[in-house]
């Protein structure tokens, strides 16, 4: 599934997903802020409903994240783990996702450098 939304010619947010080793990997590119919150929330909910609780969010393409987007990520983490699934974030860069460190969530959320690292932690083959 791929979704992108145009805001005057350039996509503010592009979302794409695929299954790797039985785990849903969602690739996020662009802005995660108030203007893309609903698109991001709807996409995460649809992906979880269709593919189950295990999810890796690849944030390597994120250019900016605000606290609303972080709240959605925390919610998805809680939903995934409450449903018996595993959840991870990859490609997180301080300069683009500073809000994770400001809130202290960078020390609590499961962060990995790459999708392969997250899948290895899940015990899945790549």
Protein backbone atom coordinates (compact mmCIF):
# COMPACT_ATOMS: atom_id res chain seq x y z
CA UNK A 1 0.00 0.00 0.00
CA UNK A 2 1.32 3.44 -0.92
CA UNK A 3 -0.24 6.80 -0.18
CA UNK A 4 1.06 10.25 -0.86
CA UNK A 5 -0.68 13.57 -0.50
CA UNK A 6 0.13 16.65 -2.50
CA UNK A 7 0.13 20.06 -0.97
CA UNK A 8 0.59 22.35 -3.94
CA UNK A 9 2.83 20.19 -6.10
CA UNK A 10 5.14 18.59 -3.57
CA UNK A 11 4.15 15.70 -1.38
CA UNK A 12 4.11 16.74 2.29
CA UNK A 13 4.02 13.11 3.38
CA UNK A 14 4.53 9.84 1.54
CA UNK A 15 3.81 6.51 3.17
CA UNK A 16 4.62 3.08 1.78
CA UNK A 17 4.59 -0.35 3.33
CA UNK A 18 5.62 -3.90 2.67
CA UNK A 19 6.03 -7.19 4.47
CA UNK A 20 9.54 -8.32 5.38
CA UNK A 21 9.91 -11.62 7.19
CA UNK A 22 6.23 -11.50 8.18
CA UNK A 23 6.56 -8.03 9.69
CA UNK A 24 4.86 -4.92 8.35
CA UNK A 25 7.47 -2.27 7.51
CA UNK A 26 6.09 1.25 7.01
CA UNK A 27 8.39 3.77 5.33
CA UNK A 28 7.67 7.39 6.17
CA UNK A 29 8.95 10.25 4.00
CA UNK A 30 8.34 13.95 4.58
CA UNK A 31 6.68 15.99 7.30
CA UNK A 32 5.01 14.51 10.37
CA UNK A 33 3.12 17.47 11.78
CA UNK A 34 -0.37 18.91 12.22
CA UNK A 35 -0.89 19.10 8.45
CA UNK A 36 -0.25 15.37 7.96
CA UNK A 37 -1.51 14.01 11.29
CA UNK A 38 -4.80 12.58 10.01
CA UNK A 39 -3.18 10.98 6.97
CA UNK A 40 -0.53 9.36 9.18
CA UNK A 41 -3.08 8.18 11.78
CA UNK A 42 -5.38 6.66 9.16
CA UNK A 43 -2.51 4.89 7.44
CA UNK A 44 -1.13 3.37 10.65
CA UNK A 45 -4.58 2.17 11.70
CA UNK A 46 -5.26 0.61 8.29
CA UNK A 47 -1.86 -1.11 8.22
CA UNK A 48 -2.29 -2.56 11.71
CA UNK A 49 -5.81 -3.75 10.89
CA UNK A 50 -4.70 -5.40 7.65
CA UNK A 51 -1.33 -6.85 8.69
CA UNK A 52 -1.43 -7.38 12.45
CA UNK A 53 0.41 -6.05 15.46
CA UNK A 54 4.08 -6.45 14.41
CA UNK A 55 5.29 -3.17 12.90
CA UNK A 56 8.53 -1.39 12.05
CA UNK A 57 8.31 2.32 11.26
CA UNK A 58 11.23 3.44 9.10
CA UNK A 59 11.60 7.16 9.81
CA UNK A 60 14.79 7.66 7.78
CA UNK A 61 12.89 9.82 5.27
CA UNK A 62 11.27 12.10 7.86
CA UNK A 63 12.23 15.75 7.46
CA UNK A 64 10.46 17.01 10.61
CA UNK A 65 8.34 15.53 13.42
CA UNK A 66 6.17 17.39 15.93
CA UNK A 67 4.63 16.25 19.21
CA UNK A 68 1.33 15.28 17.56
CA UNK A 69 3.10 12.80 15.32
CA UNK A 70 5.11 11.49 18.26
CA UNK A 71 1.83 10.96 20.12
CA UNK A 72 0.56 8.83 17.21
CA UNK A 73 3.76 6.80 17.22
CA UNK A 74 3.48 6.19 20.96
CA UNK A 75 -0.17 5.20 20.50
CA UNK A 76 0.78 2.70 17.76
CA UNK A 77 3.56 1.31 19.97
CA UNK A 78 1.03 0.77 22.76
CA UNK A 79 -1.53 -0.80 20.41
CA UNK A 80 1.07 -3.11 18.88
CA UNK A 81 2.48 -4.33 22.18
CA UNK A 82 -0.95 -4.63 23.82
CA UNK A 83 -1.98 -6.88 20.91
CA UNK A 84 1.00 -9.17 21.52
CA UNK A 85 3.04 -7.66 18.72
CA UNK A 86 6.43 -6.11 18.46
CA UNK A 87 7.13 -2.55 17.44
CA UNK A 88 10.28 -0.68 16.43
CA UNK A 89 11.43 2.61 14.98
CA UNK A 90 14.36 2.83 12.59
CA UNK A 91 16.30 5.60 10.91
CA UNK A 92 15.56 8.11 13.66
CA UNK A 93 17.71 11.24 13.37
CA UNK A 94 17.96 13.67 16.27
CA UNK A 95 17.96 16.76 14.07
CA UNK A 96 14.63 15.79 12.48
CA UNK A 97 12.89 14.09 15.42
CA UNK A 98 14.21 16.23 18.28
CA UNK A 99 10.85 16.00 20.08
CA UNK A 100 11.65 12.36 20.98
CA UNK A 101 14.63 13.49 23.03
CA UNK A 102 12.94 16.55 24.51
CA UNK A 103 10.13 14.36 25.89
CA UNK A 104 12.46 11.57 27.03
CA UNK A 105 10.73 9.04 24.77
CA UNK A 106 13.92 8.32 22.82
CA UNK A 107 15.07 6.38 25.89
CA UNK A 108 11.80 4.39 26.09
CA UNK A 109 10.85 3.67 22.49
CA UNK A 110 12.50 0.71 20.72
CA UNK A 111 14.95 2.46 18.35
CA UNK A 112 17.20 0.68 15.84
CA UNK A 113 19.56 2.00 13.20
CA UNK A 114 18.15 -0.04 10.32
CA UNK A 115 15.14 -2.15 9.42
CA UNK A 116 17.44 -5.18 9.33
CA UNK A 117 18.53 -4.46 12.93
CA UNK A 118 14.90 -4.22 14.08
CA UNK A 119 13.93 -7.43 12.32
CA UNK A 120 16.93 -9.21 13.83
CA UNK A 121 15.76 -8.06 17.27
CA UNK A 122 12.33 -9.46 16.44
CA UNK A 123 14.01 -12.77 15.66
CA UNK A 124 12.93 -12.67 12.02
CA UNK A 125 15.05 -13.36 8.99
CA UNK A 126 15.49 -10.52 6.56
